[in-house]
Amino acid sequence: MWDRSWDRGRIAPTTEVILEAFGSDRCMLSSNYPPEGLVKPYAEIWRTYRSLFAALSRDEQEKLFARNVRRLYRIA
């Protein structure tokens, strides 16, 4: 939301540093929707995240997109 030109190229350096520092076991994805919707459609936000992490293993992607959330918030 803070960056109206938010796109894959703009956020890739940040996500790479964070993932390198904390690893896929300690990271999870979220959005700031609906405020973020002022800048990008919801589906585009998640497509961008998918493209950013496409090179990761399926296991790592599942952790980032869902498993870590379920584990940390104890969601069945």
C-alpha atoms as a PDB file:
ATOM      1  CA  MET A   1       0.000   0.000   0.000  1.00  0.00           C
ATOM      2  CA  TRP A   2       2.865   2.361   0.740  1.00  0.00           C
ATOM      3  CA  ASP A   3       4.307   1.889  -2.734  1.00  0.00           C
ATOM      4  CA  ARG A   4       1.892   2.623  -5.590  1.00  0.00           C
ATOM      5  CA  SER A   5       4.326   1.041  -8.059  1.00  0.00           C
ATOM      6  CA  TRP A   6       4.323  -2.188  -6.031  1.00  0.00           C
ATOM      7  CA  ASP A   7       5.252  -5.091  -8.265  1.00  0.00           C
ATOM      8  CA  ARG A   8       7.443  -8.167  -8.334  1.00  0.00           C
ATOM      9  CA  GLY A   9      10.595  -6.236  -9.163  1.00  0.00           C
ATOM     10  CA  ARG A  10      10.080  -3.756  -6.347  1.00  0.00           C
ATOM     11  CA  ILE A  11       9.440  -6.296  -3.598  1.00  0.00           C
ATOM     12  CA  ALA A  12      11.759  -9.117  -4.716  1.00  0.00           C
ATOM     13  CA  PRO A  13      14.887  -7.705  -3.005  1.00  0.00           C
ATOM     14  CA  THR A  14      13.050  -7.400   0.313  1.00  0.00           C
ATOM     15  CA  THR A  15      11.493 -10.852   0.162  1.00  0.00           C
ATOM     16  CA  GLU A  16      14.849 -12.408  -0.775  1.00  0.00           C
ATOM     17  CA  VAL A  17      16.615 -10.839   2.228  1.00  0.00           C
ATOM     18  CA  ILE A  18      13.834 -11.876   4.608  1.00  0.00           C
ATOM     19  CA  LEU A  19      13.692 -15.444   3.330  1.00  0.00           C
ATOM     20  CA  GLU A  20      17.473 -15.745   3.470  1.00  0.00           C
ATOM     21  CA  ALA A  21      17.573 -14.404   7.039  1.00  0.00           C
ATOM     22  CA  PHE A  22      14.692 -16.419   8.485  1.00  0.00           C
ATOM     23  CA  GLY A  23      14.131 -19.378   6.162  1.00  0.00           C
ATOM     24  CA  SER A  24      10.864 -20.876   5.005  1.00  0.00           C
ATOM     25  CA  ASP A  25      10.141 -22.366   8.437  1.00  0.00           C
ATOM     26  CA  ARG A  26       9.890 -18.912  10.019  1.00  0.00           C
ATOM     27  CA  CYS A  27       8.141 -16.867   7.325  1.00  0.00           C
ATOM     28  CA  MET A  28       4.549 -16.575   6.140  1.00  0.00           C
ATOM     29  CA  LEU A  29       2.730 -14.454   3.632  1.00  0.00           C
ATOM     30  CA  SER A  30      -0.164 -12.119   4.208  1.00  0.00           C
ATOM     31  CA  SER A  31      -1.723  -9.067   2.702  1.00  0.00           C
ATOM     32  CA  ASN A  32      -2.955  -5.753   3.966  1.00  0.00           C
ATOM     33  CA  TYR A  33      -6.213  -6.134   2.111  1.00  0.00           C
ATOM     34  CA  PRO A  34      -8.601  -4.237   1.786  1.00  0.00           C
ATOM     35  CA  PRO A  35      -6.405  -1.098   2.097  1.00  0.00           C
ATOM     36  CA  GLU A  36      -3.909  -2.699  -0.269  1.00  0.00           C
ATOM     37  CA  GLY A  37      -6.737  -2.971  -2.780  1.00  0.00           C
ATOM     38  CA  LEU A  38      -6.361   0.753  -3.400  1.00  0.00           C
ATOM     39  CA  VAL A  39      -3.100  -0.066  -5.187  1.00  0.00           C
ATOM     40  CA  LYS A  40      -3.554  -3.597  -6.595  1.00  0.00           C
ATOM     41  CA  PRO A  41      -6.400  -6.072  -7.007  1.00  0.00           C
ATOM     42  CA  TYR A  42      -6.335  -8.877  -4.440  1.00  0.00           C
ATOM     43  CA  ALA A  43      -5.760 -11.605  -7.047  1.00  0.00           C
ATOM     44  CA  GLU A  44      -2.789  -9.708  -8.481  1.00  0.00           C
ATOM     45  CA  ILE A  45      -1.162  -9.451  -5.060  1.00  0.00           C
ATOM     46  CA  TRP A  46      -1.255 -13.229  -4.647  1.00  0.00           C
ATOM     47  CA  ARG A  47      -0.181 -13.886  -8.248  1.00  0.00           C
ATOM     48  CA  THR A  48       2.849 -11.708  -7.548  1.00  0.00           C
ATOM     49  CA  TYR A  49       3.661 -13.686  -4.406  1.00  0.00           C
ATOM     50  CA  ARG A  50       3.275 -16.953  -6.352  1.00  0.00           C
ATOM     51  CA  SER A  51       5.682 -15.747  -9.035  1.00  0.00           C
ATOM     52  CA  LEU A  52       8.209 -14.569  -6.439  1.00  0.00           C
ATOM     53  CA  PHE A  53       8.417 -17.981  -4.832  1.00  0.00           C
ATOM     54  CA  ALA A  54       7.904 -20.192  -7.891  1.00  0.00           C
ATOM     55  CA  ALA A  55      11.526 -21.385  -7.792  1.00  0.00           C
ATOM     56  CA  LEU A  56      11.184 -22.693  -4.220  1.00  0.00           C
ATOM     57  CA  SER A  57      10.320 -26.303  -3.563  1.00  0.00           C
ATOM     58  CA  ARG A  58       6.682 -27.235  -3.179  1.00  0.00           C
ATOM     59  CA  ASP A  59       7.319 -27.878   0.523  1.00  0.00           C
ATOM     60  CA  GLU A  60       8.773 -24.386   1.028  1.00  0.00           C
ATOM     61  CA  GLN A  61       5.908 -22.773  -0.879  1.00  0.00           C
ATOM     62  CA  GLU A  62       3.329 -24.643   1.194  1.00  0.00           C
ATOM     63  CA  LYS A  63       5.014 -23.403   4.364  1.00  0.00           C
ATOM     64  CA  LEU A  64       4.997 -19.773   3.207  1.00  0.00           C
ATOM     65  CA  PHE A  65       1.437 -19.793   1.876  1.00  0.00           C
ATOM     66  CA  ALA A  66      -0.354 -21.924   4.476  1.00  0.00           C
ATOM     67  CA  ARG A  67       1.406 -24.447   6.723  1.00  0.00           C
ATOM     68  CA  ASN A  68       3.304 -21.965   8.880  1.00  0.00           C
ATOM     69  CA  VAL A  69       0.117 -19.984   9.496  1.00  0.00           C
ATOM     70  CA  ARG A  70      -1.746 -23.107  10.551  1.00  0.00           C
ATOM     71  CA  ARG A  71       1.125 -24.217  12.780  1.00  0.00           C
ATOM     72  CA  LEU A  72       1.787 -20.862  14.436  1.00  0.00           C
ATOM     73  CA  TYR A  73      -1.870 -19.984  15.013  1.00  0.00           C
ATOM     74  CA  ARG A  74      -2.762 -23.597  15.825  1.00  0.00           C
ATOM     75  CA  ILE A  75      -5.395 -23.789  13.110  1.00  0.00           C
ATOM     76  CA  ALA A  76      -6.459 -27.337  12.321  1.00  0.00           C
END
